[in-house]
């Protein structure tokens, strides 16, 4: 990703993107666990407190491993295409066992039952980070709406709605990265999504002043829509 300097109101950056408390560290958003090496340059980084920075890592690792296992239909490291995740499953037998315990065979199909609270927590965290980084909006509270789903189960109309970028009459904050991307088109694909790493992680943000929306696609498998009505 190309480097963009945030020229928005710096007072917003004095607080943790996730809890709104005093900041002391910085956190990659998305976490590198969702990406493959070589990592893109200039990954998005947001302000975070030490507690938040450390508290999400286990759940993020769980979600990244879960997605890879679902795509492979197995927790067998030899069947996992992402090298980093395969190594994690080999190294952390307890995590593999935990994901294994969520598997059921229904009508001959392998079905995973995720730990929904952990998945939701990570997706909200990612959306909060994207909102601050792109829109200069601090939304350190529960969203009003959140949906997440496997992209392949969407109907054609649902997929089209997910892929479309919501546009509002109000422009992003002057100086924010969202405003700069709108003008320059940096790191944005033809549909308006910000590509962190092709086929691995992308997101898009929009704001109307009365609504903040973040959409995320991870590994072109898991889709998510998060909305706040501040």
Foldseek 3Di string as FASTA:
>chain_A
DDDADFPDDCVLQQAALAARHGFDDKAFQVHCLLDAPPFDPPTQIGTHHPCVRPVLPVLVLLVSLLVQCVVQVHSQLVSGPGVVSSVVCVVDVVSSVVQVVQWDQDPNGTDGDDPVVSVVSSVVVSLSSCCCQAQVDRDNDAFPDKDKDWLVVDDPVRNVVLLADDDEPDQGDPRGNNNVCVVVVPCADPRGWRPSDPLAKIKHWDDHPQKIWIWIQGSSTMIMITMHGD
